[in-house]
C-alpha atoms as a PDB file:
ATOM      1  CA  MET A   1      59.851 134.571 102.509  1.00  0.00           C
ATOM      2  CA  PRO A   2      61.266 138.404 101.930  1.00  0.00           C
ATOM      3  CA  ALA A   3      62.605 137.701 105.728  1.00  0.00           C
ATOM      4  CA  VAL A   4      64.176 134.239 104.315  1.00  0.00           C
ATOM      5  CA  GLU A   5      65.707 135.969 101.164  1.00  0.00           C
ATOM      6  CA  ASN A   6      67.107 138.819 103.024  1.00  0.00           C
ATOM      7  CA  ALA A   7      68.818 136.230 105.295  1.00  0.00           C
ATOM      8  CA  LYS A   8      70.006 134.722 102.494  1.00  0.00           C
ATOM      9  CA  LEU A   9      71.207 137.765 101.183  1.00  0.00           C
ATOM     10  CA  GLY A  10      73.060 138.657 104.106  1.00  0.00           C
ATOM     11  CA  LEU A  11      74.914 135.326 104.547  1.00  0.00           C
ATOM     12  CA  LEU A  12      75.894 135.966 101.013  1.00  0.00           C
ATOM     13  CA  VAL A  13      76.996 139.576 101.643  1.00  0.00           C
ATOM     14  CA  VAL A  14      79.155 138.026 104.910  1.00  0.00           C
ATOM     15  CA  LEU A  15      80.854 135.431 102.179  1.00  0.00           C
ATOM     16  CA  GLY A  16      81.512 138.120  99.950  1.00  0.00           C
ATOM     17  CA  LEU A  17      83.236 140.069 102.779  1.00  0.00           C
ATOM     18  CA  ILE A  18      85.155 137.140 104.013  1.00  0.00           C
ATOM     19  CA  THR A  19      86.373 136.188 100.261  1.00  0.00           C
ATOM     20  CA  ILE A  20      87.985 139.727 100.035  1.00  0.00           C
ATOM     21  CA  GLY A  21      89.688 139.199 103.157  1.00  0.00           C
ATOM     22  CA  PHE A  22      90.960 136.135 102.015  1.00  0.00           C
ATOM     23  CA  LEU A  23      92.004 137.599  98.649  1.00  0.00           C
ATOM     24  CA  PHE A  24      94.287 140.295 100.514  1.00  0.00           C
ATOM     25  CA  SER A  25      95.805 137.681 102.949  1.00  0.00           C
ATOM     26  CA  TRP A  26      96.846 135.687  99.683  1.00  0.00           C
ATOM     27  CA  VAL A  27      98.129 138.486  98.254  1.00  0.00           C
ATOM     28  CA  ALA A  28     100.415 139.222 101.261  1.00  0.00           C
ATOM     29  CA  SER A  29     101.222 135.565 101.430  1.00  0.00           C
ATOM     30  CA  ALA A  30     102.347 135.651  98.019  1.00  0.00           C
ATOM     31  CA  ARG A  31     104.416 138.490  98.464  1.00  0.00           C
ATOM     32  CA  ARG A  32     106.529 136.885 101.473  1.00  0.00           C
ATOM     33  CA  LEU A  33     106.757 133.756  99.301  1.00  0.00           C
ATOM     34  CA  GLY A  34     108.833 135.872  96.643  1.00  0.00           C
ATOM     35  CA  GLY A  35     105.817 136.980  94.447  1.00  0.00           C
ATOM     36  CA  VAL A  36     103.184 135.294  92.067  1.00  0.00           C
ATOM     37  CA  SER A  37     104.721 133.051  89.203  1.00  0.00           C
ATOM     38  CA  TRP A  38     102.035 132.359  86.618  1.00  0.00           C
ATOM     39  CA  PRO A  39     100.744 128.620  86.776  1.00  0.00           C
ATOM     40  CA  THR A  40     101.320 126.297  83.817  1.00  0.00           C
ATOM     41  CA  PRO A  41      98.741 125.292  81.489  1.00  0.00           C
ATOM     42  CA  ILE A  42      98.742 121.545  83.221  1.00  0.00           C
ATOM     43  CA  GLU A  43      98.235 123.251  86.694  1.00  0.00           C
ATOM     44  CA  THR A  44      95.483 125.475  85.249  1.00  0.00           C
ATOM     45  CA  ALA A  45      93.827 122.419  83.694  1.00  0.00           C
ATOM     46  CA  VAL A  46      93.758 120.419  86.681  1.00  0.00           C
ATOM     47  CA  GLY A  47      91.928 123.492  88.282  1.00  0.00           C
ATOM     48  CA  PHE A  48      89.367 123.199  85.449  1.00  0.00           C
ATOM     49  CA  VAL A  49      88.598 119.915  85.262  1.00  0.00           C
ATOM     50  CA  THR A  50      88.396 119.273  89.121  1.00  0.00           C
ATOM     51  CA  ASN A  51      86.157 122.147  89.725  1.00  0.00           C
ATOM     52  CA  PHE A  52      84.126 121.588  86.659  1.00  0.00           C
ATOM     53  CA  PHE A  53      82.904 118.124  88.070  1.00  0.00           C
ATOM     54  CA  ASP A  54      82.968 119.343  91.530  1.00  0.00           C
ATOM     55  CA  THR A  55      79.839 121.815  90.603  1.00  0.00           C
ATOM     56  CA  LEU A  56      78.105 118.453  89.426  1.00  0.00           C
ATOM     57  CA  GLY A  57      78.713 116.591  92.633  1.00  0.00           C
ATOM     58  CA  ILE A  58      82.042 114.783  92.213  1.00  0.00           C
ATOM     59  CA  GLY A  59      84.006 116.616  94.654  1.00  0.00           C
ATOM     60  CA  SER A  60      87.323 117.934  93.677  1.00  0.00           C
ATOM     61  CA  PHE A  61      89.834 117.243  96.931  1.00  0.00           C
ATOM     62  CA  ALA A  62      90.434 113.444  96.086  1.00  0.00           C
ATOM     63  CA  THR A  63      90.705 114.053  92.506  1.00  0.00           C
ATOM     64  CA  THR A  64      93.116 117.119  92.681  1.00  0.00           C
ATOM     65  CA  THR A  65      95.170 115.342  95.404  1.00  0.00           C
ATOM     66  CA  SER A  66      95.034 112.204  92.610  1.00  0.00           C
ATOM     67  CA  LEU A  67      96.611 114.463  90.005  1.00  0.00           C
ATOM     68  CA  PHE A  68      98.973 116.493  92.268  1.00  0.00           C
ATOM     69  CA  LYS A  69     100.453 113.132  92.934  1.00  0.00           C
ATOM     70  CA  LEU A  70     100.471 111.343  89.437  1.00  0.00           C
ATOM     71  CA  LEU A  71     101.897 114.265  88.007  1.00  0.00           C
ATOM     72  CA  ARG A  72     104.260 115.356  90.680  1.00  0.00           C
ATOM     73  CA  LEU A  73     102.986 119.025  90.736  1.00  0.00           C
ATOM     74  CA  VAL A  74     103.311 119.620  94.745  1.00  0.00           C
ATOM     75  CA  PRO A  75     105.151 118.137  97.662  1.00  0.00           C
ATOM     76  CA  ASP A  76     102.988 116.022  99.464  1.00  0.00           C
ATOM     77  CA  GLU A  77     103.299 118.210 102.775  1.00  0.00           C
ATOM     78  CA  HIS A  78     102.026 120.934 100.750  1.00  0.00           C
ATOM     79  CA  ILE A  79      98.861 119.420  99.355  1.00  0.00           C
ATOM     80  CA  PRO A  80      96.359 120.144 102.088  1.00  0.00           C
ATOM     81  CA  GLY A  81      97.286 123.830 102.053  1.00  0.00           C
ATOM     82  CA  THR A  82      97.122 123.935  98.196  1.00  0.00           C
ATOM     83  CA  LEU A  83      93.771 122.397  97.842  1.00  0.00           C
ATOM     84  CA  ASN A  84      92.331 124.613 100.523  1.00  0.00           C
ATOM     85  CA  ILE A  85      93.552 127.841  99.049  1.00  0.00           C
ATOM     86  CA  GLY A  86      93.491 127.397  95.588  1.00  0.00           C
ATOM     87  CA  HIS A  87      90.084 126.038  95.628  1.00  0.00           C
ATOM     88  CA  THR A  88      88.364 128.711  97.512  1.00  0.00           C
ATOM     89  CA  PRO A  89      87.410 131.336  94.956  1.00  0.00           C
ATOM     90  CA  SER A  90      85.554 128.283  92.806  1.00  0.00           C
ATOM     91  CA  ALA A  91      83.944 127.208  96.022  1.00  0.00           C
ATOM     92  CA  VAL A  92      82.910 130.535  96.577  1.00  0.00           C
ATOM     93  CA  THR A  93      81.379 130.988  93.255  1.00  0.00           C
ATOM     94  CA  GLU A  94      79.587 127.557  93.675  1.00  0.00           C
ATOM     95  CA  ALA A  95      78.116 128.904  96.993  1.00  0.00           C
ATOM     96  CA  PHE A  96      76.798 132.101  95.449  1.00  0.00           C
ATOM     97  CA  ILE A  97      74.860 129.779  92.899  1.00  0.00           C
ATOM     98  CA  PHE A  98      73.632 127.028  94.934  1.00  0.00           C
ATOM     99  CA  ILE A  99      72.569 129.114  98.228  1.00  0.00           C
ATOM    100  CA  ALA A 100      70.925 131.365  95.669  1.00  0.00           C
ATOM    101  CA  ILE A 101      68.764 128.985  93.977  1.00  0.00           C
ATOM    102  CA  VAL A 102      68.351 125.901  96.178  1.00  0.00           C
ATOM    103  CA  GLN A 103      65.709 125.982  99.195  1.00  0.00           C
ATOM    104  CA  VAL A 104      67.223 125.030 102.589  1.00  0.00           C
ATOM    105  CA  GLU A 105      66.009 125.949 106.238  1.00  0.00           C
ATOM    106  CA  LEU A 106      68.266 129.132 106.952  1.00  0.00           C
ATOM    107  CA  PRO A 107      68.888 127.924 110.726  1.00  0.00           C
ATOM    108  CA  THR A 108      70.132 124.597 109.430  1.00  0.00           C
ATOM    109  CA  LEU A 109      72.388 126.289 106.648  1.00  0.00           C
ATOM    110  CA  ALA A 110      73.813 128.865 108.596  1.00  0.00           C
ATOM    111  CA  GLY A 111      74.385 126.594 111.646  1.00  0.00           C
ATOM    112  CA  LEU A 112      75.922 123.636 109.672  1.00  0.00           C
ATOM    113  CA  ILE A 113      78.322 126.150 107.864  1.00  0.00           C
ATOM    114  CA  ALA A 114      79.466 127.788 111.171  1.00  0.00           C
ATOM    115  CA  ALA A 115      80.199 124.535 112.619  1.00  0.00           C
ATOM    116  CA  SER A 116      82.372 123.377 109.333  1.00  0.00           C
ATOM    117  CA  VAL A 117      84.180 126.824 109.931  1.00  0.00           C
ATOM    118  CA  ALA A 118      84.896 126.239 113.638  1.00  0.00           C
ATOM    119  CA  GLY A 119      86.426 122.764 112.848  1.00  0.00           C
ATOM    120  CA  ALA A 120      88.289 124.209 110.108  1.00  0.00           C
ATOM    121  CA  TRP A 121      89.985 126.997 112.233  1.00  0.00           C
ATOM    122  CA  LEU A 122      90.822 124.101 114.506  1.00  0.00           C
ATOM    123  CA  GLY A 123      92.179 121.552 111.754  1.00  0.00           C
ATOM    124  CA  ALA A 124      94.391 123.788 109.735  1.00  0.00           C
ATOM    125  CA  GLY A 125      96.102 124.761 112.639  1.00  0.00           C
ATOM    126  CA  ILE A 126      97.298 121.324 113.169  1.00  0.00           C
ATOM    127  CA  VAL A 127      97.602 120.365 109.546  1.00  0.00           C
ATOM    128  CA  ALA A 128      99.508 122.987 108.663  1.00  0.00           C
ATOM    129  CA  GLY A 129     102.571 122.104 111.081  1.00  0.00           C
ATOM    130  CA  LEU A 130     102.405 118.419 110.796  1.00  0.00           C
ATOM    131  CA  PRO A 131     105.649 116.603 108.943  1.00  0.00           C
ATOM    132  CA  ARG A 132     105.371 115.026 105.703  1.00  0.00           C
ATOM    133  CA  ARG A 133     105.136 111.287 106.695  1.00  0.00           C
ATOM    134  CA  ARG A 134     102.251 112.215 108.891  1.00  0.00           C
ATOM    135  CA  ILE A 135     100.090 113.939 106.121  1.00  0.00           C
ATOM    136  CA  GLN A 136     101.262 111.257 103.375  1.00  0.00           C
ATOM    137  CA  VAL A 137      99.380 108.681 105.769  1.00  0.00           C
ATOM    138  CA  GLY A 138      96.561 110.967 106.495  1.00  0.00           C
ATOM    139  CA  MET A 139      95.714 111.728 103.082  1.00  0.00           C
ATOM    140  CA  GLY A 140      96.303 108.031 101.757  1.00  0.00           C
ATOM    141  CA  CYS A 141      93.628 106.889 104.229  1.00  0.00           C
ATOM    142  CA  ALA A 142      91.572 109.662 102.891  1.00  0.00           C
ATOM    143  CA  LEU A 143      91.523 108.685  99.547  1.00  0.00           C
ATOM    144  CA  LEU A 144      90.758 105.096 100.152  1.00  0.00           C
ATOM    145  CA  GLY A 145      87.761 106.563 102.079  1.00  0.00           C
ATOM    146  CA  ALA A 146      86.923 108.580  99.030  1.00  0.00           C
ATOM    147  CA  ALA A 147      87.247 105.700  96.864  1.00  0.00           C
ATOM    148  CA  THR A 148      85.032 103.698  98.787  1.00  0.00           C
ATOM    149  CA  LEU A 149      82.430 106.414  98.754  1.00  0.00           C
ATOM    150  CA  PHE A 150      82.534 106.846  95.175  1.00  0.00           C
ATOM    151  CA  SER A 151      81.855 102.908  94.972  1.00  0.00           C
ATOM    152  CA  LEU A 152      78.960 102.700  97.501  1.00  0.00           C
ATOM    153  CA  THR A 153      77.303 105.651  95.721  1.00  0.00           C
ATOM    154  CA  ASN A 154      77.358 103.762  92.130  1.00  0.00           C
ATOM    155  CA  LEU A 155      76.498 100.608  93.861  1.00  0.00           C
ATOM    156  CA  GLY A 156      73.231 102.371  95.188  1.00  0.00           C
ATOM    157  CA  LEU A 157      74.462 101.497  98.873  1.00  0.00           C
ATOM    158  CA  LEU A 158      74.492 104.920 100.470  1.00  0.00           C
ATOM    159  CA  PRO A 159      71.229 106.437 102.161  1.00  0.00           C
ATOM    160  CA  GLY A 160      68.581 108.015  99.955  1.00  0.00           C
ATOM    161  CA  GLY A 161      67.570 110.528 102.245  1.00  0.00           C
ATOM    162  CA  GLY A 162      64.262 112.357 102.875  1.00  0.00           C
ATOM    163  CA  GLU A 163      62.155 115.414 101.825  1.00  0.00           C
ATOM    164  CA  ALA A 164      63.136 117.602 104.824  1.00  0.00           C
ATOM    165  CA  LEU A 165      64.842 121.171 103.898  1.00  0.00           C
ATOM    166  CA  GLY A 166      65.972 121.670 107.641  1.00  0.00           C
ATOM    167  CA  LEU A 167      66.877 119.846 110.868  1.00  0.00           C
ATOM    168  CA  SER A 168      65.685 120.326 114.356  1.00  0.00           C
ATOM    169  CA  GLY A 169      66.345 119.241 117.829  1.00  0.00           C
ATOM    170  CA  ALA A 170      68.731 116.008 118.121  1.00  0.00           C
ATOM    171  CA  ARG A 171      68.919 115.820 114.648  1.00  0.00           C
ATOM    172  CA  LEU A 172      70.102 119.388 114.351  1.00  0.00           C
ATOM    173  CA  MET A 173      72.724 118.953 117.088  1.00  0.00           C
ATOM    174  CA  ILE A 174      74.172 115.484 115.504  1.00  0.00           C
ATOM    175  CA  GLY A 175      74.214 117.696 112.114  1.00  0.00           C
ATOM    176  CA  LEU A 176      76.325 120.656 113.925  1.00  0.00           C
ATOM    177  CA  ALA A 177      78.634 118.088 115.321  1.00  0.00           C
ATOM    178  CA  GLY A 178      79.172 115.961 112.252  1.00  0.00           C
ATOM    179  CA  ASN A 179      79.973 118.923 110.070  1.00  0.00           C
ATOM    180  CA  PHE A 180      82.389 120.029 112.739  1.00  0.00           C
ATOM    181  CA  VAL A 181      84.234 117.004 112.192  1.00  0.00           C
ATOM    182  CA  LEU A 182      84.096 117.363 108.523  1.00  0.00           C
ATOM    183  CA  GLY A 183      85.242 120.718 108.508  1.00  0.00           C
ATOM    184  CA  ALA A 184      88.233 119.736 110.643  1.00  0.00           C
ATOM    185  CA  LEU A 185      89.018 116.766 108.535  1.00  0.00           C
ATOM    186  CA  MET A 186      88.690 119.010 105.404  1.00  0.00           C
ATOM    187  CA  THR A 187      92.069 120.723 106.221  1.00  0.00           C
ATOM    188  CA  LEU A 188      93.787 117.343 105.667  1.00  0.00           C
ATOM    189  CA  GLY A 189      92.426 117.303 102.107  1.00  0.00           C
ATOM    190  CA  ILE A 190      89.411 114.866 102.971  1.00  0.00           C
ATOM    191  CA  GLY A 191      86.633 116.374 100.603  1.00  0.00           C
ATOM    192  CA  LEU A 192      83.594 117.595 102.502  1.00  0.00           C
ATOM    193  CA  PHE A 193      80.881 116.639  99.504  1.00  0.00           C
ATOM    194  CA  ALA A 194      80.237 112.960  99.972  1.00  0.00           C
ATOM    195  CA  PRO A 195      80.346 112.521 103.450  1.00  0.00           C
ATOM    196  CA  CYS A 196      78.094 115.862 104.193  1.00  0.00           C
ATOM    197  CA  MET A 197      75.850 114.224 101.462  1.00  0.00           C
ATOM    198  CA  ILE A 198      75.656 111.042 103.670  1.00  0.00           C
ATOM    199  CA  LEU A 199      75.290 113.026 106.911  1.00  0.00           C
ATOM    200  CA  VAL A 200      72.294 115.035 105.803  1.00  0.00           C
ATOM    201  CA  SER A 201      70.597 112.048 103.721  1.00  0.00           C
ATOM    202  CA  LEU A 202      71.086 109.858 107.188  1.00  0.00           C
ATOM    203  CA  LEU A 203      69.224 112.951 109.070  1.00  0.00           C
ATOM    204  CA  GLY A 204      66.465 112.678 106.590  1.00  0.00           C
ATOM    205  CA  MET A 205      66.948 115.549 104.314  1.00  0.00           C
ATOM    206  CA  ASN A 206      66.447 116.045 100.820  1.00  0.00           C
ATOM    207  CA  PRO A 207      69.732 115.345  99.218  1.00  0.00           C
ATOM    208  CA  ILE A 208      69.331 118.142  96.698  1.00  0.00           C
ATOM    209  CA  ALA A 209      69.724 120.563  99.933  1.00  0.00           C
ATOM    210  CA  ALA A 210      72.959 119.023 100.719  1.00  0.00           C
ATOM    211  CA  PHE A 211      74.469 120.931  97.826  1.00  0.00           C
ATOM    212  CA  PRO A 212      74.121 124.594  99.362  1.00  0.00           C
ATOM    213  CA  ILE A 213      75.549 123.342 102.702  1.00  0.00           C
ATOM    214  CA  MET A 214      78.281 121.574 101.065  1.00  0.00           C
ATOM    215  CA  MET A 215      79.244 124.343  99.112  1.00  0.00           C
ATOM    216  CA  GLY A 216      78.627 127.005 101.631  1.00  0.00           C
ATOM    217  CA  SER A 217      80.705 124.934 104.345  1.00  0.00           C
ATOM    218  CA  CYS A 218      83.291 124.930 101.983  1.00  0.00           C
ATOM    219  CA  ALA A 219      83.085 128.436 100.703  1.00  0.00           C
ATOM    220  CA  PHE A 220      83.298 129.603 104.558  1.00  0.00           C
ATOM    221  CA  LEU A 221      85.642 127.315 105.915  1.00  0.00           C
ATOM    222  CA  GLN A 222      88.074 127.182 103.240  1.00  0.00           C
ATOM    223  CA  PRO A 223      88.878 131.091 103.599  1.00  0.00           C
ATOM    224  CA  VAL A 224      89.641 130.646 107.439  1.00  0.00           C
ATOM    225  CA  GLY A 225      91.561 127.534 107.090  1.00  0.00           C
ATOM    226  CA  SER A 226      93.355 128.798 104.277  1.00  0.00           C
ATOM    227  CA  LEU A 227      94.589 131.355 106.747  1.00  0.00           C
ATOM    228  CA  ARG A 228      96.422 129.141 108.980  1.00  0.00           C
ATOM    229  CA  PHE A 229      98.267 127.729 106.093  1.00  0.00           C
ATOM    230  CA  MET A 230      99.342 131.097 104.793  1.00  0.00           C
ATOM    231  CA  GLU A 231     100.831 131.816 108.218  1.00  0.00           C
ATOM    232  CA  LYS A 232     103.118 129.036 107.875  1.00  0.00           C
ATOM    233  CA  GLY A 233     103.737 129.046 104.132  1.00  0.00           C
ATOM    234  CA  SER A 234     102.436 125.592 104.056  1.00  0.00           C
ATOM    235  CA  TYR A 235     101.201 125.213 100.627  1.00  0.00           C
ATOM    236  CA  SER A 236     102.861 125.742  96.749  1.00  0.00           C
ATOM    237  CA  LEU A 237     101.767 128.899  95.235  1.00  0.00           C
ATOM    238  CA  ARG A 238     101.693 128.344  91.550  1.00  0.00           C
ATOM    239  CA  PRO A 239      99.778 125.101  91.514  1.00  0.00           C
ATOM    240  CA  ALA A 240      97.150 126.906  94.062  1.00  0.00           C
ATOM    241  CA  LEU A 241      96.611 129.817  91.644  1.00  0.00           C
ATOM    242  CA  GLY A 242      96.187 127.380  88.633  1.00  0.00           C
ATOM    243  CA  LEU A 243      93.531 125.792  90.826  1.00  0.00           C
ATOM    244  CA  THR A 244      91.864 129.326  90.769  1.00  0.00           C
ATOM    245  CA  LEU A 245      92.394 130.489  87.358  1.00  0.00           C
ATOM    246  CA  GLY A 246      91.085 127.374  85.875  1.00  0.00           C
ATOM    247  CA  GLY A 247      88.507 126.517  88.565  1.00  0.00           C
ATOM    248  CA  VAL A 248      86.327 129.412  88.451  1.00  0.00           C
ATOM    249  CA  PRO A 249      85.462 129.068  84.802  1.00  0.00           C
ATOM    250  CA  GLY A 250      85.041 125.384  85.060  1.00  0.00           C
ATOM    251  CA  VAL A 251      82.194 126.142  87.933  1.00  0.00           C
ATOM    252  CA  LEU A 252      80.580 128.522  85.701  1.00  0.00           C
ATOM    253  CA  ILE A 253      80.452 126.330  82.670  1.00  0.00           C
ATOM    254  CA  ALA A 254      79.237 123.334  84.824  1.00  0.00           C
ATOM    255  CA  ALA A 255      76.395 125.227  86.434  1.00  0.00           C
ATOM    256  CA  PHE A 256      75.190 127.261  83.667  1.00  0.00           C
ATOM    257  CA  ILE A 257      75.844 125.390  80.493  1.00  0.00           C
ATOM    258  CA  VAL A 258      76.463 121.544  80.724  1.00  0.00           C
ATOM    259  CA  LYS A 259      74.137 121.372  84.310  1.00  0.00           C
ATOM    260  CA  SER A 260      74.056 117.694  84.343  1.00  0.00           C
ATOM    261  CA  LEU A 261      75.927 114.877  83.239  1.00  0.00           C
ATOM    262  CA  PRO A 262      75.947 110.833  83.526  1.00  0.00           C
ATOM    263  CA  LEU A 263      78.517 110.444  86.213  1.00  0.00           C
ATOM    264  CA  VAL A 264      78.502 106.527  87.056  1.00  0.00           C
ATOM    265  CA  ALA A 265      81.094 105.755  84.669  1.00  0.00           C
ATOM    266  CA  LEU A 266      83.064 108.892  85.767  1.00  0.00           C
ATOM    267  CA  ARG A 267      82.849 107.919  89.272  1.00  0.00           C
ATOM    268  CA  TRP A 268      84.124 104.496  88.601  1.00  0.00           C
ATOM    269  CA  LEU A 269      87.292 106.058  86.481  1.00  0.00           C
ATOM    270  CA  VAL A 270      87.641 108.373  89.560  1.00  0.00           C
ATOM    271  CA  ALA A 271      87.653 105.698  92.091  1.00  0.00           C
ATOM    272  CA  VAL A 272      90.335 103.870  90.251  1.00  0.00           C
ATOM    273  CA  VAL A 273      92.610 106.922  90.004  1.00  0.00           C
ATOM    274  CA  VAL A 274      92.251 107.765  93.734  1.00  0.00           C
ATOM    275  CA  VAL A 275      93.045 104.380  94.896  1.00  0.00           C
ATOM    276  CA  TYR A 276      96.118 104.441  92.750  1.00  0.00           C
ATOM    277  CA  ALA A 277      97.133 107.973  94.256  1.00  0.00           C
ATOM    278  CA  ALA A 278      96.385 106.617  98.026  1.00  0.00           C
ATOM    279  CA  GLY A 279      98.947 103.522  97.487  1.00  0.00           C
ATOM    280  CA  ALA A 280     101.443 105.795  96.024  1.00  0.00           C
ATOM    281  CA  MET A 281     101.166 108.176  98.877  1.00  0.00           C
ATOM    282  CA  LEU A 282     101.053 105.254 101.130  1.00  0.00           C
ATOM    283  CA  ARG A 283     104.096 104.007  99.755  1.00  0.00           C
ATOM    284  CA  SER A 284     105.739 107.406  99.730  1.00  0.00           C
ATOM    285  CA  ALA A 285     105.121 107.398 103.646  1.00  0.00           C
ATOM    286  CA  ALA A 286     106.553 103.708 104.223  1.00  0.00           C
ATOM    287  CA  ALA A 287     109.445 104.418 102.115  1.00  0.00           C
ATOM    288  CA  GLN A 288     110.376 107.757 104.037  1.00  0.00           C
ATOM    289  CA  GLY A 289     109.957 106.054 107.344  1.00  0.00           C
ATOM    290  CA  ARG A 290     112.487 102.927 106.536  1.00  0.00           C
ATOM    291  CA  SER A 291     114.919 105.710 104.799  1.00  0.00           C
ATOM    292  CA  GLY A 292     114.798 107.473 108.453  1.00  0.00           C
ATOM    293  CA  LEU A 293     115.327 110.807 106.188  1.00  0.00           C
ATOM    294  CA  LEU A 294     114.016 113.961 107.346  1.00  0.00           C
ATOM    295  CA  PRO A 295     111.989 115.988 104.827  1.00  0.00           C
ATOM    296  CA  ARG A 296     113.634 118.806 103.382  1.00  0.00           C
ATOM    297  CA  GLN A 297     112.672 122.357 104.335  1.00  0.00           C
ATOM    298  CA  GLY A 298     111.917 125.426 101.915  1.00  0.00           C
ATOM    299  CA  GLY A 299     111.534 124.890  98.262  1.00  0.00           C
ATOM    300  CA  GLY A 300     110.943 128.600  97.459  1.00  0.00           C
ATOM    301  CA  SER A 301     107.469 129.812  96.525  1.00  0.00           C
ATOM    302  CA  ASN A 302     106.359 127.067  94.711  1.00  0.00           C
ATOM    303  CA  GLY A 303     107.742 124.411  96.485  1.00  0.00           C
ATOM    304  CA  LEU A 304     108.520 122.164  93.507  1.00  0.00           C
ATOM    305  CA  TRP A 305     111.120 119.629  94.894  1.00  0.00           C
ATOM    306  CA  PHE A 306     110.646 116.103  95.929  1.00  0.00           C
ATOM    307  CA  SER A 307     113.138 114.785  98.566  1.00  0.00           C
ATOM    308  CA  SER A 308     113.831 111.356  98.479  1.00  0.00           C
ATOM    309  CA  GLY A 309     111.239 108.884  99.671  1.00  0.00           C
ATOM    310  CA  SER A 310     108.618 111.135  98.339  1.00  0.00           C
ATOM    311  CA  ASP A 311     107.480 109.332  95.573  1.00  0.00           C
END
């Protein structure tokens, strides 16, 4: 056990160093975008609410995307970068909590995390350069997929999993390949939580073991993927900062004070909201395709503009 605990500690130290590098990069990016503009109460509240429920297992990407779209807080093409950058500190906080308290075999945990990071690096380089309409279509489809997963969870149609705390052999290879794909898709704004829970359950792992895998994957891949979005300025700074400032307290309150909630009704509510946002995203893409208008460039550090066809 001491060797396992030391290995866990080493993993957390690496995560801490990556996070420090992420923060320095974000400060440099903010300066290039013209400096920090403090988030509004609404932007901070979005961060708090989405990360509070994220810690309890709902996931934050689909809910945040829906709120961004419904409240017109972020241009569609900036949503993936804003999600990945703004939710990173909260994901790191969750990872420190769950990697420390939930037992998972270290080779499985480290391997799946590494696979997701590799996928994120590849995916972010592609997504950061995509035009608005392609991102709208991709995120619209992703939101519909998320709503489907919420519904299947509530109906008890997802796999229940087994008792294993680790993978080996062919199952480990499948897990690595699966988390690589999920890491790449996450940079498009497709949350990793529900798909990862399904993946590890199908492979016979205890669903509780999914929490450090999910949160560790996000915590390691988001800083790496975020660098690609920062390089291209493909995010909205102020809303991203709101996700961070509201999100970290939301994580701590959910993890140490609330701990659990009856989530079935909430998942149904989230599914309805997400379907509505998916429809809005796909309608925006269709409208832009009909208009034939090119997306506007620029928009300042916050990018709070919407050209015709974006809504």
